[in-house]
Amino acid sequence: MEHLIRVQNDYDRQVLAWLRARMGDAALQSAAGRLAGARKPYLSTICRSLGIRPPTRREFARETARTHSAVGDQYLARIRAILAAPAGAAR
C-alpha cells in the first residue's frame, strides 16, 4: 500500500495499518486513486477525504504497552508453571 500512499515515519505506518484493518485495501486504493495527481497523496489527506480521524501517537503507545504487558504476563505464567512442576516432569 505504501506504493500508493506517502508514508514518512513509524506513526504513518501505524495509521496505515489501522486504516487497512478498519477500511480495507479496496477503499484505500480508491481514495488514493481519486487523490493522486503527479505525486502520491499524504496519509493525512487520505484520512481527511475518508472523514476519519486516526488514533493519536499516545493511543498507539498505550495499545503497544498493553500488548507488551499481555505477552510478558504469558511468559511469566509459563515460567511459574515450569518452576511449579516436579523436577522430573519439566524434562
Protein backbone atom coordinates (compact mmCIF):
# COMPACT_ATOMS: atom_id res chain seq x y z
CA MET A 1 0.00 0.00 0.00
CA GLU A 2 2.99 2.28 0.52
CA HIS A 3 3.42 2.38 -3.26
CA LEU A 4 0.13 4.34 -3.45
CA ILE A 5 0.27 6.49 -0.31
CA ARG A 6 3.10 8.65 1.06
CA VAL A 7 4.29 7.11 4.34
CA GLN A 8 7.02 9.09 6.08
CA ASN A 9 7.52 7.64 9.57
CA ASP A 10 6.51 4.92 12.04
CA TYR A 11 3.37 6.77 13.09
CA ASP A 12 2.26 6.85 9.45
CA ARG A 13 2.88 3.10 9.23
CA GLN A 14 0.74 2.53 12.32
CA VAL A 15 -2.03 4.72 10.92
CA LEU A 16 -1.86 2.92 7.59
CA ALA A 17 -2.14 -0.48 9.29
CA TRP A 18 -5.04 0.83 11.37
CA LEU A 19 -6.78 2.17 8.26
CA ARG A 20 -6.25 -1.07 6.36
CA ALA A 21 -7.83 -3.03 9.22
CA ARG A 22 -10.69 -0.59 9.57
CA MET A 23 -11.49 0.37 5.95
CA GLY A 24 -9.90 -2.34 3.83
CA ASP A 25 -7.43 -2.15 0.99
CA ALA A 26 -10.03 -1.52 -1.70
CA ALA A 27 -11.31 1.67 -0.03
CA LEU A 28 -7.76 2.96 0.47
CA GLN A 29 -6.80 2.21 -3.12
CA SER A 30 -9.91 4.01 -4.33
CA ALA A 31 -9.21 7.06 -2.14
CA ALA A 32 -5.56 7.14 -3.21
CA GLY A 33 -6.60 6.89 -6.85
CA ARG A 34 -9.02 9.80 -6.51
CA LEU A 35 -6.43 12.00 -4.79
CA ALA A 36 -3.34 11.04 -6.74
CA GLY A 37 -2.09 13.74 -9.03
CA ALA A 38 1.52 13.86 -10.06
CA ARG A 39 2.53 12.64 -6.59
CA LYS A 40 1.40 10.13 -4.01
CA PRO A 41 -1.10 11.63 -1.56
CA TYR A 42 -0.15 12.09 2.09
CA LEU A 43 -1.79 9.78 4.60
CA SER A 44 -3.39 12.75 6.36
CA THR A 45 -5.05 13.73 3.08
CA ILE A 46 -6.42 10.21 2.70
CA CYS A 47 -7.83 10.33 6.24
CA ARG A 48 -9.49 13.70 5.62
CA SER A 49 -11.01 12.51 2.36
CA LEU A 50 -12.47 9.48 4.13
CA GLY A 51 -13.72 11.59 7.04
CA ILE A 52 -11.70 9.58 9.54
CA ARG A 53 -9.58 10.79 12.42
CA PRO A 54 -6.81 8.29 13.22
CA PRO A 55 -5.72 7.46 16.77
CA THR A 56 -3.06 9.72 18.25
CA ARG A 57 0.52 8.67 18.87
CA ARG A 58 -0.33 8.39 22.57
CA GLU A 59 -3.22 6.00 21.85
CA PHE A 60 -0.95 3.81 19.73
CA ALA A 61 1.65 3.84 22.53
CA ARG A 62 -0.97 2.75 25.08
CA GLU A 63 -2.07 -0.12 22.85
CA THR A 64 1.54 -1.21 22.38
CA ALA A 65 2.11 -1.12 26.14
CA ARG A 66 -1.00 -3.27 26.71
CA THR A 67 0.25 -5.78 24.15
CA HIS A 68 3.70 -5.92 25.72
CA SER A 69 2.17 -6.42 29.18
CA ALA A 70 -0.02 -9.25 27.93
CA VAL A 71 2.95 -11.01 26.31
CA GLY A 72 5.01 -10.53 29.47
CA ASP A 73 2.20 -11.97 31.60
CA GLN A 74 2.04 -15.04 29.35
CA TYR A 75 5.77 -15.63 29.70
CA LEU A 76 5.62 -15.20 33.47
CA ALA A 77 2.75 -17.68 33.71
CA ARG A 78 4.75 -20.21 31.68
CA ILE A 79 7.85 -19.70 33.86
CA ARG A 80 5.76 -20.17 37.02
CA ALA A 81 4.26 -23.37 35.60
CA ILE A 82 7.73 -24.73 34.81
CA LEU A 83 9.00 -23.86 38.28
CA ALA A 84 5.95 -25.37 39.98
CA ALA A 85 6.28 -28.68 38.12
CA PRO A 86 8.17 -31.54 39.75
CA ALA A 87 11.85 -31.76 38.77
CA GLY A 88 11.42 -34.86 36.56
CA ALA A 89 8.27 -33.56 34.77
CA ALA A 90 9.94 -30.47 33.32
CA ARG A 91 12.32 -32.54 31.19
